[in-house]
Amino acid sequence: MEKSLDYKGRWRNHTVAFRVSDEEARLLNDLVALSGLTKQDYITRRLLCQDVVVQGNPRVYKALKNQMTAIHEELKRMESISSDNDELLYTLQVIAITLDGLKGEDE
């Protein structure tokens, strides 16, 4: 395997791995898709308490659209939102914040 530098000229030769539940994996994948970052960059920024700044692009737009469609379908299925749906509410909150930030770029 050939060594390569990351976009900031650093060697990334350490592997960090950990286990997550199915629910945590789904939530992590959703948050990564909404950020527009790679999973590695997203996790690194979050672990180092750095801001995750979403740059609007077609991939982020598609992720937002897919998440909103899934949330809409889930809300139609449910009679009311209960405390059992904290993951859905958290994802909806992240989408709202992201959309608000994207709206601010247009102004």
Protein backbone atom coordinates (compact mmCIF):
# COMPACT_ATOMS: atom_id res chain seq x y z
CA MET A 1 0.00 0.00 0.00
CA GLU A 2 1.40 3.40 -0.98
CA LYS A 3 1.53 6.11 1.68
CA SER A 4 -0.20 9.37 0.88
CA LEU A 5 -0.74 12.73 2.50
CA ASP A 6 -4.15 14.17 3.30
CA TYR A 7 -5.34 17.50 1.89
CA LYS A 8 -3.44 19.40 4.61
CA GLY A 9 -0.16 17.57 3.97
CA ARG A 10 -0.38 15.29 7.02
CA TRP A 11 0.41 11.61 7.19
CA ARG A 12 -2.65 9.74 8.39
CA ASN A 13 -1.16 6.43 9.39
CA HIS A 14 -3.12 5.66 12.60
CA THR A 15 -6.36 3.72 12.58
CA VAL A 16 -9.06 4.39 15.17
CA ALA A 17 -11.95 1.94 15.30
CA PHE A 18 -14.94 1.47 17.57
CA ARG A 19 -18.24 -0.38 17.62
CA VAL A 20 -21.68 1.21 17.42
CA SER A 21 -25.22 -0.15 17.50
CA ASP A 22 -27.38 -0.34 14.36
CA GLU A 23 -29.27 2.78 15.49
CA GLU A 24 -26.05 4.70 16.16
CA ALA A 25 -24.64 3.64 12.79
CA ARG A 26 -27.78 4.85 10.98
CA LEU A 27 -27.72 8.17 12.83
CA LEU A 28 -23.99 8.62 12.17
CA ASN A 29 -24.45 7.86 8.46
CA ASP A 30 -27.35 10.34 8.27
CA LEU A 31 -25.32 13.08 9.97
CA VAL A 32 -22.32 12.42 7.72
CA ALA A 33 -24.51 12.64 4.60
CA LEU A 34 -26.07 15.89 5.80
CA SER A 35 -22.65 17.40 6.49
CA GLY A 36 -21.27 16.84 2.99
CA LEU A 37 -18.00 15.62 4.55
CA THR A 38 -16.40 12.20 4.40
CA LYS A 39 -17.14 10.00 7.39
CA GLN A 40 -13.49 10.27 8.45
CA ASP A 41 -13.51 14.07 8.32
CA TYR A 42 -16.88 14.29 10.10
CA ILE A 43 -15.85 11.99 12.96
CA THR A 44 -12.44 13.66 13.31
CA ARG A 45 -13.98 17.14 13.52
CA ARG A 46 -16.60 16.04 16.04
CA LEU A 47 -14.04 14.21 18.22
CA LEU A 48 -11.75 17.24 18.22
CA CYS A 49 -14.69 19.58 19.06
CA GLN A 50 -14.28 21.46 15.80
CA ASP A 51 -17.22 23.02 13.98
CA VAL A 52 -18.83 21.03 11.19
CA VAL A 53 -19.62 23.67 8.57
CA VAL A 54 -21.92 22.41 5.85
CA GLN A 55 -21.08 23.58 2.34
CA GLY A 56 -24.13 23.42 0.11
CA ASN A 57 -23.64 21.12 -2.86
CA PRO A 58 -25.75 18.61 -4.82
CA ARG A 59 -24.77 15.74 -2.51
CA VAL A 60 -25.92 17.65 0.60
CA TYR A 61 -29.13 18.71 -1.15
CA LYS A 62 -29.87 15.10 -2.07
CA ALA A 63 -29.20 13.95 1.51
CA LEU A 64 -31.52 16.67 2.86
CA LYS A 65 -34.22 15.71 0.38
CA ASN A 66 -33.93 12.00 1.22
CA GLN A 67 -34.02 12.68 4.97
CA MET A 68 -37.04 14.95 4.66
CA THR A 69 -38.84 12.30 2.59
CA ALA A 70 -38.07 9.63 5.20
CA ILE A 71 -39.19 11.90 8.04
CA HIS A 72 -42.38 12.79 6.19
CA GLU A 73 -43.18 9.10 5.68
CA GLU A 74 -42.46 8.35 9.35
CA LEU A 75 -44.63 11.23 10.55
CA LYS A 76 -47.48 10.08 8.31
CA ARG A 77 -47.15 6.60 9.82
CA MET A 78 -47.20 7.84 13.39
CA GLU A 79 -50.20 9.29 15.17
CA SER A 80 -48.04 11.38 17.46
CA ILE A 81 -44.37 11.81 18.24
CA SER A 82 -43.36 10.12 21.48
CA SER A 83 -40.13 9.98 23.45
CA ASP A 84 -39.34 6.71 21.62
CA ASN A 85 -38.42 8.74 18.56
CA ASP A 86 -35.53 10.82 19.90
CA GLU A 87 -33.35 9.79 16.93
CA LEU A 88 -35.94 11.10 14.46
CA LEU A 89 -36.33 14.36 16.36
CA TYR A 90 -32.56 14.87 16.55
CA THR A 91 -32.17 14.25 12.81
CA LEU A 92 -35.02 16.67 12.09
CA GLN A 93 -33.31 19.30 14.27
CA VAL A 94 -29.99 18.88 12.40
CA ILE A 95 -31.80 19.20 9.05
CA ALA A 96 -33.58 22.36 10.19
CA ILE A 97 -30.30 23.93 11.32
CA THR A 98 -28.61 22.93 8.06
CA LEU A 99 -31.42 24.28 5.90
CA ASP A 100 -31.39 27.52 7.88
CA GLY A 101 -27.63 27.85 7.27
CA LEU A 102 -28.06 27.14 3.54
CA LYS A 103 -30.83 29.74 3.39
CA GLY A 104 -28.44 32.27 4.94
CA GLU A 105 -25.93 31.73 2.12
CA ASP A 106 -28.48 32.88 -0.46
CA GLU A 107 -29.17 36.17 1.29
